[in-house]
Every structure is written in structure tokens, then in C-alpha cells.
């Protein structure tokens, strides 16, 4: 029985944990680490996890683990995988390996020889796609000629209540500069590679037509492969006339037959036709189970992971090329909160004023980079002055935290500050950028 540690307690971890629970005869998640007390407590309670930690390093120090499942936000994947691999513990890392190709390539180099690493790319493990691959390998449609894969949903369109289903499900998507391709279509690119073999991306067009999100809402891509095969991939998350749920549509044409995936299932046309019903909800869950089962199988027999870093990097190279050639929108001016110590550790008025000058100086630098800087202290102090000094605690943090909810990112400067840390936590919980130095702040558009 393998002892598993889970890093992360966000939305996707429910599916990871369902997968581990389905394999309870082989492995058991014994500990979970996440900085959110409520999130990790909820996962521990629901899945019977014995130990919880606010810090991944503490979990690794105190638990005897056979493997670790990294399912934290993508910006934390690389440092967490390095942390685990440094201890020689095998890692299963939720896709993508890292936010960018360069970071993923560096991670793959760094962990090589230290610990086994597999990418949790579960789409190709959906049972219906495994069936398609078996049909292709058996030659049941002859030589492949062309393929078309699409995913369309109205998830980014307002529903009757005014909400957008895709953002209700995964709020962080609203703030990702690289959204549809990097977050969703990465699965489909990987699946096409799994089904068709090595691919080259010949053309791409990304659309930025949804004002509710920062990144792209639709994408169209053209690939080419061996023996003249051509493939298209179309994704549209603001598609009128489609349901809010995600449903793939696939057609592969061969020289002697065809394979189609529609809303009801798989159909094989050709000399030996076949129809297979698909329960998409059940197969979605099964994909997590089967990805984890493959991880455990290869740990047991020492064989290569199907989605080892060297394979997954090929998918990430296609993702990167889509952004390179697909058309990227103009730089966006961000509202950036500047947070640092004000009252914490400051005994005198002069010390507080010095702290505020430091935040204002950082704000001026943010402005010069093309963004709109805001400081909670500057907003709250005039109100406190009007209300009376006795109202400081009642006004300062509530106003600062309310402001945090309306900003795009935060720049954390200076030393210890409980108030600044509360502001940072608000951004981290929403999956928004948290920068610790001015150099990390991207340049905004010219003024």
C-alpha cells in the first residue's frame, strides 16, 4: 500500500482524490498540504485524510511518503516539483508542468535523475479516446487522412442570472493572460498527439472577444502530421447555441473508414462498423482514476510514463507556438495594489509615515511601468481622519480588503505586515498575480 501526499486543495483536487479513492487497494492519500485552512480541512474531512499541513515542506519533513500528487495552481508547479524531487520522491504533477515552456524545460532538466516525474494529463486517458486509439492501431479505418476536433460551450456567455457558468466553475480563468489554449485546449492538443502521432502547428488564430476574461476565448488551429495527415482543432468558450458543459466532437477520416465522437458516443464506419455508447460524466471521472493507475503501474514495474516530461514538453511546444503565431492582444493596463508594512512594528508617527512613503515610491514605479497603482492605506486614511482616530481598526482593513477585491494583481514590498499578508491572501485565493519585486511586474501599454 503506497502512502501518498497531496499538495493542493483547490477545485481540481476533488477529482484527483476521487481517483485515488477508486484505487484504495493500491494507495492511500495520508496527508494534504495547502495554505488555505478551510480548503485543506474540507478535503481531509470529505476524504478521510489523516494529516493536514499549511506548508508542503512540513508535510515532506514529517510524513513517510511513497509519492506526491502536485495539484496546486500552475504557477507553483515548478517549485513544488523541485521540492519533492530533491527528496527523491516520485511526483505526479497536474498539467501543465509550468506556466511557460521555458520554465517547464528547466524543471524537466532539474529533476532528471533525482526523482520520477509524470504529468497528470488525463484527457488522453478518457476511455473513449483509448478506444479510438485501439481502433486506429488495429487499422480499422486504414491510413489516416484528416481529423477535426472541436469543443464549443456557452460557458463564457451570461446565463439567465447574469452569471457566466465557466467562471462560476473556475473563477481563476477570468484573470489568466493565457486562458483557453493553456488551460483547456492543451488537453486536446495532447489528445491529438496521442491519437495521430507527432504534429506540427502550421497556423493558429486566437480570439479575444470576451470582455469578462483577460485571455483568449476562442482558438482555431491547423496541424500537419506524418503521411500527409491534416488536423484542425477549434475551441470556443463563448459559442451561442451550445450548452455550458464541455463536450468534445471528433471526426477522423481514414482511407477505409472513419471514427466519429458525438454527443451520444463513438461510431466506427467502415468494413467492420461499430457503435459504442459513452457516459461522458462517468468517463471524465474515470480519466483521473486511469491516469493515477498508470502512474502506479509504472512505479511498480519501472516502465516509462506515457506522459513523462519529455512527451509533455512536445505538447507544451505546440501550446507555445499557438501563442507565438496566433495573435496576442495589446498589453493591458492593470490595477495593481501595492501592499507593505504600515502600522506593523511602527511605534511612532514618523515610522508609519516612512512606511507609507516606501509604498508610495513603489506605486510611482508601478505607474511608470504603465499601470494604475493603488494603496489601501491611502484610500482609508482620509475616511479615518473624518470618522475619528478611534475608528482606525473598523475602517483600515475592511476598506483595504474591499479595494483588493477590485484589483488585478498585488505588489508586496517591505517586511512583516499582517494587513499586507491578508491582502496577498485575497489575491492568491482568486488565482491572481502576487509579485514580490518590481522587476516581476510586466510592462503595461504606453501612456
Protein backbone atom coordinates (compact mmCIF):
# COMPACT_ATOMS: atom_id res chain seq x y z
CA UNK A 1 0.00 0.00 0.00
CA UNK A 2 1.58 3.25 -1.14
CA UNK A 3 1.38 6.34 1.06
CA UNK A 4 0.52 9.43 -0.98
CA UNK A 5 0.84 13.11 -0.12
CA UNK A 6 -1.35 15.65 -1.93
CA UNK A 7 -0.21 19.25 -2.44
CA UNK A 8 -3.17 21.48 -3.17
CA UNK A 9 -6.79 21.55 -2.02
CA UNK A 10 -8.46 23.56 -4.78
CA UNK A 11 -11.23 22.70 -7.22
CA UNK A 12 -9.40 20.05 -9.26
CA UNK A 13 -8.28 18.07 -6.21
CA UNK A 14 -11.76 16.62 -5.70
CA UNK A 15 -11.25 14.71 -8.95
CA UNK A 16 -7.72 13.66 -8.00
CA UNK A 17 -8.98 12.39 -4.66
CA UNK A 18 -11.89 10.54 -6.26
CA UNK A 19 -9.32 8.84 -8.47
CA UNK A 20 -7.12 7.87 -5.53
CA UNK A 21 -10.15 6.60 -3.61
CA UNK A 22 -11.11 4.37 -6.54
CA UNK A 23 -7.64 2.80 -6.21
CA UNK A 24 -7.77 2.38 -2.44
CA UNK A 25 -6.49 -1.18 -2.64
CA UNK A 26 -3.20 0.13 -4.03
CA UNK A 27 -2.62 3.54 -2.46
CA UNK A 28 -3.98 5.89 0.18
CA UNK A 29 -3.69 9.67 0.50
CA UNK A 30 -2.39 10.13 4.03
CA UNK A 31 -1.67 13.87 4.06
CA UNK A 32 -2.68 17.06 2.28
CA UNK A 33 -0.85 20.40 2.22
CA UNK A 34 -2.42 23.74 1.26
CA UNK A 35 -2.06 27.25 2.71
CA UNK A 36 -5.86 27.60 2.98
CA UNK A 37 -7.06 26.24 6.33
CA UNK A 38 -10.71 25.81 5.23
CA UNK A 39 -9.78 24.18 1.90
CA UNK A 40 -7.45 21.54 3.28
CA UNK A 41 -9.74 20.85 6.25
CA UNK A 42 -12.65 20.29 3.88
CA UNK A 43 -10.68 17.85 1.72
CA UNK A 44 -9.38 16.00 4.79
CA UNK A 45 -12.88 15.70 6.22
CA UNK A 46 -14.50 14.54 2.99
CA UNK A 47 -11.81 12.02 2.04
CA UNK A 48 -10.64 10.82 5.43
CA UNK A 49 -7.12 12.25 5.16
CA UNK A 50 -5.35 11.88 8.48
CA UNK A 51 -2.89 14.78 8.39
CA UNK A 52 -3.08 18.32 7.06
CA UNK A 53 -0.34 20.91 6.65
CA UNK A 54 -0.24 24.59 5.74
CA UNK A 55 3.19 24.08 4.19
CA UNK A 56 4.30 21.40 1.72
CA UNK A 57 7.83 21.27 3.11
CA UNK A 58 6.46 20.49 6.56
CA UNK A 59 4.43 17.63 5.12
CA UNK A 60 7.51 16.21 3.42
CA UNK A 61 9.53 16.55 6.64
CA UNK A 62 7.01 14.72 8.80
CA UNK A 63 5.40 12.12 6.55
CA UNK A 64 6.91 8.95 5.11
CA UNK A 65 5.58 9.19 1.56
CA UNK A 66 5.94 6.88 -1.43
CA UNK A 67 4.75 9.50 -3.94
CA UNK A 68 3.36 13.03 -4.08
CA UNK A 69 0.47 14.36 -6.19
CA UNK A 70 1.02 18.06 -7.02
CA UNK A 71 -2.33 19.69 -7.79
CA UNK A 72 -1.65 23.29 -6.78
CA UNK A 73 -2.09 26.30 -9.11
CA UNK A 74 0.16 26.16 -12.18
CA UNK A 75 2.50 28.94 -11.02
CA UNK A 76 3.52 26.75 -8.07
CA UNK A 77 4.14 23.52 -10.03
CA UNK A 78 7.84 24.00 -10.73
CA UNK A 79 8.99 24.95 -7.21
CA UNK A 80 6.84 22.24 -5.65
CA UNK A 81 8.08 19.54 -8.02
CA UNK A 82 11.67 20.59 -7.30
CA UNK A 83 10.94 20.47 -3.56
CA UNK A 84 9.60 16.93 -3.78
CA UNK A 85 12.16 15.65 -6.29
CA UNK A 86 15.02 16.89 -4.13
CA UNK A 87 13.94 14.23 -1.62
CA UNK A 88 13.86 11.50 -4.27
CA UNK A 89 10.09 11.07 -4.04
CA UNK A 90 8.18 10.28 -7.28
CA UNK A 91 5.89 13.10 -8.44
CA UNK A 92 2.59 13.17 -10.31
CA UNK A 93 2.12 16.80 -11.39
CA UNK A 94 -1.14 18.27 -12.65
CA UNK A 95 -0.81 19.79 -16.12
CA UNK A 96 0.84 21.99 -17.19
CA UNK A 97 4.30 21.35 -15.81
CA UNK A 98 4.78 25.12 -15.56
CA UNK A 99 3.15 28.31 -16.87
CA UNK A 100 5.60 28.63 -19.79
CA UNK A 101 7.59 26.28 -21.98
CA UNK A 102 10.92 27.68 -20.78
CA UNK A 103 10.00 27.07 -17.14
CA UNK A 104 8.83 23.54 -17.94
CA UNK A 105 12.03 22.73 -19.83
CA UNK A 106 14.10 24.00 -16.91
CA UNK A 107 12.06 21.92 -14.47
CA UNK A 108 12.50 18.77 -16.56
CA UNK A 109 16.26 19.30 -16.59
CA UNK A 110 16.41 20.00 -12.86
CA UNK A 111 14.53 16.90 -11.71
CA UNK A 112 16.10 14.46 -14.17
CA UNK A 113 17.95 11.78 -12.24
CA UNK A 114 16.57 12.93 -8.89
CA UNK A 115 13.05 11.51 -8.92
CA UNK A 116 10.49 10.10 -11.34
CA UNK A 117 8.06 12.69 -12.70
CA UNK A 118 4.81 12.17 -14.60
CA UNK A 119 2.45 14.86 -15.87
CA UNK A 120 -1.20 14.39 -14.89
CA UNK A 121 -2.55 14.92 -18.42
CA UNK A 122 -5.80 12.99 -18.05
CA UNK A 123 -7.70 13.79 -21.28
CA UNK A 124 -5.92 11.10 -23.30
CA UNK A 125 -6.83 8.61 -20.55
CA UNK A 126 -10.57 9.05 -21.12
CA UNK A 127 -11.83 5.56 -22.00
CA UNK A 128 -13.40 6.64 -25.31
CA UNK A 129 -10.10 8.09 -26.51
CA UNK A 130 -8.33 4.87 -25.55
CA UNK A 131 -10.91 3.05 -27.69
CA UNK A 132 -10.24 5.38 -30.62
CA UNK A 133 -6.52 4.71 -30.32
CA UNK A 134 -7.12 0.94 -30.30
CA UNK A 135 -9.25 1.19 -33.44
CA UNK A 136 -6.55 3.23 -35.19
CA UNK A 137 -3.76 0.87 -34.13
CA UNK A 138 -5.82 -2.10 -35.38
CA UNK A 139 -6.04 -0.48 -38.83
CA UNK A 140 -9.82 -0.38 -38.78
CA UNK A 141 -10.04 2.86 -40.79
CA UNK A 142 -6.89 2.40 -42.84
CA UNK A 143 -4.32 5.13 -43.24
CA UNK A 144 -5.29 8.35 -41.51
CA UNK A 145 -6.09 11.27 -43.82
CA UNK A 146 -7.55 14.08 -41.71
CA UNK A 147 -9.04 14.82 -38.32
CA UNK A 148 -11.19 17.53 -36.77
CA UNK A 149 -11.59 18.02 -33.02
CA UNK A 150 -13.76 20.76 -31.54
CA UNK A 151 -15.03 21.90 -28.18
CA UNK A 152 -17.70 24.59 -28.01
CA UNK A 153 -19.54 25.86 -24.97
CA UNK A 154 -21.56 28.92 -23.96
CA UNK A 155 -19.70 28.92 -20.64
CA UNK A 156 -18.38 32.48 -21.06
CA UNK A 157 -21.74 33.91 -22.14
CA UNK A 158 -24.06 35.37 -19.47
CA UNK A 159 -26.83 32.99 -18.43
CA UNK A 160 -30.34 33.94 -17.27
CA UNK A 161 -28.98 35.08 -13.90
CA UNK A 162 -26.22 37.16 -15.49
CA UNK A 163 -23.51 34.77 -14.38
CA UNK A 164 -21.04 33.01 -16.64
CA UNK A 165 -21.00 29.24 -15.97
CA UNK A 166 -17.36 28.70 -16.89
CA UNK A 167 -16.21 31.37 -14.43
CA UNK A 168 -18.55 30.12 -11.71
CA UNK A 169 -16.88 26.74 -12.09
CA UNK A 170 -13.29 28.01 -12.27
CA UNK A 171 -13.07 31.72 -11.32
CA UNK A 172 -9.31 31.94 -11.85
CA UNK A 173 -9.79 31.70 -15.62
CA UNK A 174 -11.00 35.31 -15.72
CA UNK A 175 -7.53 36.57 -14.85
CA UNK A 176 -5.27 34.32 -16.94
CA UNK A 177 -3.46 36.12 -19.76
CA UNK A 178 -3.15 32.70 -21.40
CA UNK A 179 -6.53 31.12 -20.91
CA UNK A 180 -8.20 28.86 -23.47
CA UNK A 181 -5.19 27.24 -25.11
CA UNK A 182 -3.05 26.98 -21.96
CA UNK A 183 -5.85 25.88 -19.64
CA UNK A 184 -8.30 23.87 -21.78
CA UNK A 185 -7.10 23.17 -25.32
CA UNK A 186 -3.77 21.91 -24.01
CA UNK A 187 -5.74 18.72 -23.27
CA UNK A 188 -6.99 18.48 -26.84
CA UNK A 189 -3.59 19.19 -28.37
CA UNK A 190 -2.16 16.38 -26.26
CA UNK A 191 -5.04 14.08 -27.25
CA UNK A 192 -4.48 14.75 -30.96
CA UNK A 193 -0.81 13.90 -30.48
CA UNK A 194 -1.80 10.70 -28.68
CA UNK A 195 -4.18 9.67 -31.48
CA UNK A 196 -2.35 10.89 -34.58
CA UNK A 197 1.33 10.90 -33.65
CA UNK A 198 3.80 13.81 -33.85
CA UNK A 199 2.26 17.06 -35.10
CA UNK A 200 3.41 20.41 -36.40
CA UNK A 201 1.31 23.53 -35.84
CA UNK A 202 1.06 25.28 -39.20
CA UNK A 203 -1.44 28.05 -38.41
CA UNK A 204 -3.37 29.43 -35.45
CA UNK A 205 -5.76 32.25 -34.75
CA UNK A 206 -6.72 33.27 -31.20
CA UNK A 207 -9.78 35.37 -30.43
CA UNK A 208 -10.09 37.83 -27.56
CA UNK A 209 -13.77 38.70 -27.85
CA UNK A 210 -14.97 38.13 -24.27
CA UNK A 211 -14.70 41.19 -22.02
CA UNK A 212 -15.19 39.08 -18.88
CA UNK A 213 -11.77 37.45 -19.18
CA UNK A 214 -8.25 38.67 -19.72
CA UNK A 215 -7.13 35.94 -22.13
CA UNK A 216 -8.40 34.34 -25.29
CA UNK A 217 -11.94 32.93 -25.51
CA UNK A 218 -11.66 31.10 -28.84
CA UNK A 219 -8.94 29.50 -30.93
CA UNK A 220 -8.59 27.77 -34.28
CA UNK A 221 -5.51 25.70 -35.12
CA UNK A 222 -4.27 23.72 -38.12
CA UNK A 223 -1.80 20.87 -37.67
CA UNK A 224 0.02 18.54 -40.02
CA UNK A 225 1.46 15.11 -39.30
CA UNK A 226 3.10 12.10 -40.90
CA UNK A 227 1.93 10.75 -44.27
CA UNK A 228 0.20 13.99 -45.14
CA UNK A 229 -2.39 13.91 -42.36
CA UNK A 230 -4.04 17.26 -41.53
CA UNK A 231 -5.91 18.09 -38.33
CA UNK A 232 -7.92 21.02 -37.08
CA UNK A 233 -8.70 22.00 -33.51
CA UNK A 234 -11.39 24.58 -32.74
CA UNK A 235 -12.22 25.78 -29.26
CA UNK A 236 -14.85 28.39 -28.42
CA UNK A 237 -15.99 29.14 -24.87
CA UNK A 238 -18.43 31.87 -25.96
CA UNK A 239 -20.36 29.82 -28.51
CA UNK A 240 -24.04 30.63 -28.93
CA UNK A 241 -26.39 27.67 -29.21
CA UNK A 242 -24.16 25.31 -27.25
CA UNK A 243 -24.60 24.07 -23.66
CA UNK A 244 -22.44 25.28 -20.75
CA UNK A 245 -20.94 21.81 -20.29
CA UNK A 246 -17.82 20.77 -22.18
CA UNK A 247 -18.31 18.13 -24.86
CA UNK A 248 -15.69 17.16 -27.43
CA UNK A 249 -16.61 16.45 -31.04
CA UNK A 250 -14.16 14.39 -33.06
CA UNK A 251 -14.03 13.04 -36.59
CA UNK A 252 -11.12 11.13 -38.06
CA UNK A 253 -11.20 10.10 -41.71
CA UNK A 254 -9.11 7.21 -42.96
CA UNK A 255 -8.68 5.51 -46.31
CA UNK A 256 -11.13 2.71 -45.47
CA UNK A 257 -13.37 4.17 -42.77
CA UNK A 258 -13.99 6.92 -40.24
CA UNK A 259 -14.37 7.46 -36.49
CA UNK A 260 -16.83 9.96 -35.04
CA UNK A 261 -17.40 11.10 -31.48
CA UNK A 262 -20.66 12.97 -30.92
CA UNK A 263 -23.00 13.74 -28.02
CA UNK A 264 -24.08 10.12 -27.63
CA UNK A 265 -20.93 8.17 -28.23
CA UNK A 266 -18.39 6.72 -30.65
CA UNK A 267 -19.15 5.42 -34.11
CA UNK A 268 -16.80 3.48 -36.37
CA UNK A 269 -17.70 3.44 -40.06
CA UNK A 270 -16.01 1.03 -42.46
CA UNK A 271 -15.75 -2.67 -43.23
CA UNK A 272 -16.49 -3.59 -39.58
CA UNK A 273 -18.78 -0.84 -38.23
CA UNK A 274 -19.23 -0.43 -34.50
CA UNK A 275 -21.10 1.89 -32.15
CA UNK A 276 -20.11 2.48 -28.52
CA UNK A 277 -22.25 4.49 -26.10
CA UNK A 278 -20.32 6.97 -23.95
CA UNK A 279 -21.25 8.16 -20.47
CA UNK A 280 -19.22 11.38 -20.59
CA UNK A 281 -19.60 12.24 -16.89
CA UNK A 282 -18.51 8.77 -15.80
CA UNK A 283 -15.60 8.78 -18.25
CA UNK A 284 -14.46 12.19 -17.02
CA UNK A 285 -14.10 10.72 -13.54
CA UNK A 286 -12.54 7.56 -14.93
CA UNK A 287 -9.84 9.58 -16.66
CA UNK A 288 -8.46 10.72 -13.30
CA UNK A 289 -8.56 7.18 -11.95
CA UNK A 290 -6.86 5.73 -15.02
CA UNK A 291 -4.17 8.43 -15.10
CA UNK A 292 -3.31 7.65 -11.49
CA UNK A 293 -3.46 3.90 -12.17
CA UNK A 294 -0.90 4.35 -14.97
CA UNK A 295 1.33 6.29 -12.56
CA UNK A 296 1.12 3.48 -10.01
CA UNK A 297 1.66 0.78 -12.65
CA UNK A 298 4.86 2.40 -13.85
CA UNK A 299 6.11 2.92 -10.31
CA UNK A 300 5.58 -0.80 -9.75
CA UNK A 301 7.19 -2.08 -12.95
CA UNK A 302 9.72 0.70 -13.58
CA UNK A 303 8.44 1.29 -17.11
CA UNK A 304 8.28 4.71 -18.78
CA UNK A 305 5.41 7.07 -18.06
CA UNK A 306 3.21 7.75 -21.08
CA UNK A 307 3.14 11.43 -20.13
CA UNK A 308 6.71 11.80 -18.94
CA UNK A 309 8.17 15.32 -19.16
CA UNK A 310 9.87 14.65 -22.50
CA UNK A 311 6.49 13.73 -24.03
CA UNK A 312 4.54 16.51 -22.37
CA UNK A 313 7.08 19.10 -23.49
CA UNK A 314 6.06 18.31 -27.08
CA UNK A 315 2.51 19.36 -26.20
CA UNK A 316 3.79 22.49 -24.48
CA UNK A 317 5.85 23.41 -27.55
CA UNK A 318 2.67 23.35 -29.63
CA UNK A 319 0.90 25.47 -27.00
CA UNK A 320 3.75 27.98 -27.06
CA UNK A 321 3.69 28.15 -30.85
CA UNK A 322 -0.06 28.82 -30.79
CA UNK A 323 0.58 31.96 -28.77
CA UNK A 324 3.57 32.91 -30.93
CA UNK A 325 1.62 32.85 -34.19
CA UNK A 326 -1.98 33.16 -33.07
CA UNK A 327 -2.14 36.88 -32.48
CA UNK A 328 -1.75 38.34 -28.99
CA UNK A 329 -3.74 41.38 -27.85
CA UNK A 330 -2.14 44.66 -26.93
CA UNK A 331 -0.63 44.98 -23.48
CA UNK A 332 -3.23 45.61 -20.82
CA UNK A 333 -3.13 48.32 -18.15
CA UNK A 334 -3.56 46.63 -14.75
CA UNK A 335 -4.88 47.95 -11.46
CA UNK A 336 -2.11 46.88 -9.08
CA UNK A 337 -2.39 47.08 -5.30
CA UNK A 338 0.85 47.99 -3.53
CA UNK A 339 0.99 46.43 -0.07
CA UNK A 340 3.57 46.58 2.68
CA UNK A 341 4.01 47.37 6.37
CA UNK A 342 2.29 50.49 7.69
CA UNK A 343 1.41 50.10 11.34
CA UNK A 344 3.05 46.73 11.99
CA UNK A 345 6.22 47.31 14.03
CA UNK A 346 5.86 51.10 13.72
CA UNK A 347 5.79 52.75 17.13
CA UNK A 348 5.91 56.37 16.11
CA UNK A 349 4.04 58.50 13.60
CA UNK A 350 7.33 59.10 11.80
CA UNK A 351 7.82 55.37 11.32
CA UNK A 352 4.34 54.97 9.85
CA UNK A 353 4.94 57.91 7.54
CA UNK A 354 8.22 56.34 6.42
CA UNK A 355 6.43 53.07 5.66
CA UNK A 356 3.82 54.90 3.63
CA UNK A 357 6.49 56.78 1.68
CA UNK A 358 8.03 53.43 0.74
CA UNK A 359 4.67 52.21 -0.60
CA UNK A 360 4.11 55.46 -2.48
CA UNK A 361 7.56 55.20 -4.06
CA UNK A 362 6.76 51.67 -5.22
CA UNK A 363 3.41 52.92 -6.54
CA UNK A 364 5.17 55.60 -8.56
CA UNK A 365 7.40 52.94 -10.10
CA UNK A 366 4.34 50.83 -10.95
CA UNK A 367 2.80 53.87 -12.63
CA UNK A 368 5.95 54.37 -14.69
CA UNK A 369 5.61 50.77 -15.87
CA UNK A 370 2.26 51.67 -17.41
CA UNK A 371 -0.20 50.51 -14.75
CA UNK A 372 -2.58 52.03 -12.21
CA UNK A 373 -1.22 51.67 -8.65
CA UNK A 374 -3.49 51.78 -5.60
CA UNK A 375 -2.72 51.63 -1.87
CA UNK A 376 -5.30 50.68 0.72
CA UNK A 377 -3.79 52.97 3.35
CA UNK A 378 -4.11 56.00 1.08
CA UNK A 379 -7.77 55.25 0.49
CA UNK A 380 -8.59 54.61 4.15
CA UNK A 381 -6.69 57.40 5.92
CA UNK A 382 -8.92 60.32 4.78
CA UNK A 383 -12.01 58.38 5.90
CA UNK A 384 -10.40 57.60 9.27
CA UNK A 385 -9.50 61.26 9.70
CA UNK A 386 -13.14 62.24 9.12
CA UNK A 387 -14.54 59.47 11.32
CA UNK A 388 -12.05 59.89 14.17
CA UNK A 389 -8.89 58.03 15.14
CA UNK A 390 -10.93 55.64 17.27
CA UNK A 391 -12.36 54.17 14.07
CA UNK A 392 -8.95 53.11 12.68
CA UNK A 393 -9.44 49.37 13.13
CA UNK A 394 -13.04 49.49 11.92
CA UNK A 395 -12.06 51.23 8.66
CA UNK A 396 -8.47 50.44 7.67
CA UNK A 397 -8.55 46.73 6.84
CA UNK A 398 -12.17 46.50 5.66
CA UNK A 399 -11.54 49.26 3.12
CA UNK A 400 -8.17 47.83 2.09
CA UNK A 401 -9.58 44.34 1.58
CA UNK A 402 -12.54 45.71 -0.36
CA UNK A 403 -10.08 47.50 -2.64
CA UNK A 404 -8.11 44.27 -3.06
CA UNK A 405 -11.21 42.60 -4.49
CA UNK A 406 -11.25 45.14 -7.34
CA UNK A 407 -7.61 44.94 -8.42
CA UNK A 408 -5.87 42.73 -10.98
CA UNK A 409 -2.64 41.99 -9.10
CA UNK A 410 -0.65 42.89 -5.99
CA UNK A 411 2.94 44.01 -5.41
CA UNK A 412 4.07 43.04 -1.90
CA UNK A 413 7.01 45.08 -0.58
CA UNK A 414 8.83 45.51 2.71
CA UNK A 415 8.90 43.42 5.84
CA UNK A 416 6.37 41.83 8.16
CA UNK A 417 2.79 43.09 7.94
CA UNK A 418 -0.31 41.17 8.93
CA UNK A 419 -2.50 43.56 6.94
CA UNK A 420 -0.43 43.21 3.76
CA UNK A 421 -0.46 39.44 4.19
CA UNK A 422 -4.26 39.49 4.39
CA UNK A 423 -4.35 41.44 1.14
CA UNK A 424 -1.96 38.99 -0.51
CA UNK A 425 -4.16 36.10 0.60
CA UNK A 426 -7.14 37.64 -1.22
CA UNK A 427 -5.23 37.71 -4.50
CA UNK A 428 -3.78 34.23 -4.04
CA UNK A 429 -7.24 32.79 -3.33
CA UNK A 430 -8.51 34.21 -6.63
CA UNK A 431 -5.51 32.93 -8.59
CA UNK A 432 -4.28 36.48 -9.33
CA UNK A 433 -0.62 37.51 -9.63
CA UNK A 434 1.31 38.15 -6.41
CA UNK A 435 4.60 39.89 -7.15
CA UNK A 436 7.41 40.31 -4.61
CA UNK A 437 9.61 42.65 -6.61
CA UNK A 438 9.08 45.45 -9.09
CA UNK A 439 11.11 43.57 -11.68
CA UNK A 440 8.39 40.90 -11.76
CA UNK A 441 5.72 43.41 -12.79
CA UNK A 442 5.23 43.21 -16.58
CA UNK A 443 5.34 46.39 -18.61
CA UNK A 444 1.98 47.91 -19.40
CA UNK A 445 0.91 49.74 -22.55
CA UNK A 446 2.38 53.17 -23.37
CA UNK A 447 0.55 56.11 -21.89
